[in-house]
Amino acid sequence: MRGPRGRAGLHEVLLLVAAAGVLCPTSVAEVCFEWVKLTPAGLRVSFHVTPRSRR
């Protein structure tokens, strides 16, 4: 993708990063948000989900 300033333009210019490893348990799974990045193109989120064991 070509933008006005090179291949990616301003789409990937990093504006803000937050990293914490925030754990959000729900009734069916645990969601862990590893980091969030804000760019002019929007938010990018890294997370993983672990299903809760059924007992």
Protein backbone atom coordinates (compact mmCIF):
# COMPACT_ATOMS: atom_id res chain seq x y z
CA MET A 1 0.00 0.00 0.00
CA ARG A 2 1.51 3.31 -1.01
CA GLY A 3 0.81 6.48 0.88
CA PRO A 4 2.07 10.03 0.53
CA ARG A 5 5.21 9.29 2.59
CA GLY A 6 6.37 5.94 1.33
CA ARG A 7 5.09 2.43 1.30
CA ALA A 8 2.77 2.48 4.34
CA GLY A 9 2.34 6.22 4.66
CA LEU A 10 1.17 7.24 8.11
CA HIS A 11 -0.91 4.10 8.67
CA GLU A 12 1.72 2.42 10.85
CA VAL A 13 3.13 5.46 12.67
CA LEU A 14 2.92 4.56 16.32
CA LEU A 15 1.11 7.15 18.45
CA LEU A 16 0.69 5.25 21.73
CA VAL A 17 1.47 1.84 23.23
CA ALA A 18 0.01 0.31 26.36
CA ALA A 19 1.20 -3.02 27.73
CA ALA A 20 0.09 -4.67 30.89
CA GLY A 21 -1.04 -8.25 30.52
CA VAL A 22 -4.56 -7.44 31.73
CA LEU A 23 -6.54 -10.59 32.57
CA CYS A 24 -10.30 -10.45 31.97
CA PRO A 25 -11.99 -13.64 33.20
CA THR A 26 -15.47 -14.47 31.87
CA SER A 27 -17.79 -17.38 32.52
CA VAL A 28 -16.48 -19.27 29.46
CA ALA A 29 -12.87 -18.14 29.00
CA GLU A 30 -10.04 -15.98 30.30
CA VAL A 31 -8.93 -13.21 27.95
CA CYS A 32 -5.48 -11.70 28.45
CA PHE A 33 -4.77 -8.40 26.65
CA GLU A 34 -1.00 -8.21 26.12
CA TRP A 35 -0.70 -4.79 24.43
CA VAL A 36 -2.67 -2.11 22.61
CA LYS A 37 -1.17 0.19 19.95
CA LEU A 38 -2.79 3.33 18.62
CA THR A 39 -1.90 4.37 15.05
CA PRO A 40 -3.57 6.85 12.70
CA ALA A 41 -5.22 3.84 11.03
CA GLY A 42 -6.82 2.69 14.30
CA LEU A 43 -6.17 0.32 17.21
CA ARG A 44 -4.06 -2.84 17.07
CA VAL A 45 -4.59 -5.28 19.94
CA SER A 46 -2.66 -8.38 20.99
CA PHE A 47 -4.53 -10.86 23.16
CA HIS A 48 -4.93 -14.54 23.85
CA VAL A 49 -7.90 -16.54 25.08
CA THR A 50 -7.81 -19.60 27.32
CA PRO A 51 -11.06 -21.59 27.65
CA ARG A 52 -12.18 -22.34 31.18
CA SER A 53 -12.17 -26.02 32.05
CA ARG A 54 -15.57 -27.61 32.53
CA ARG A 55 -15.95 -29.45 35.80
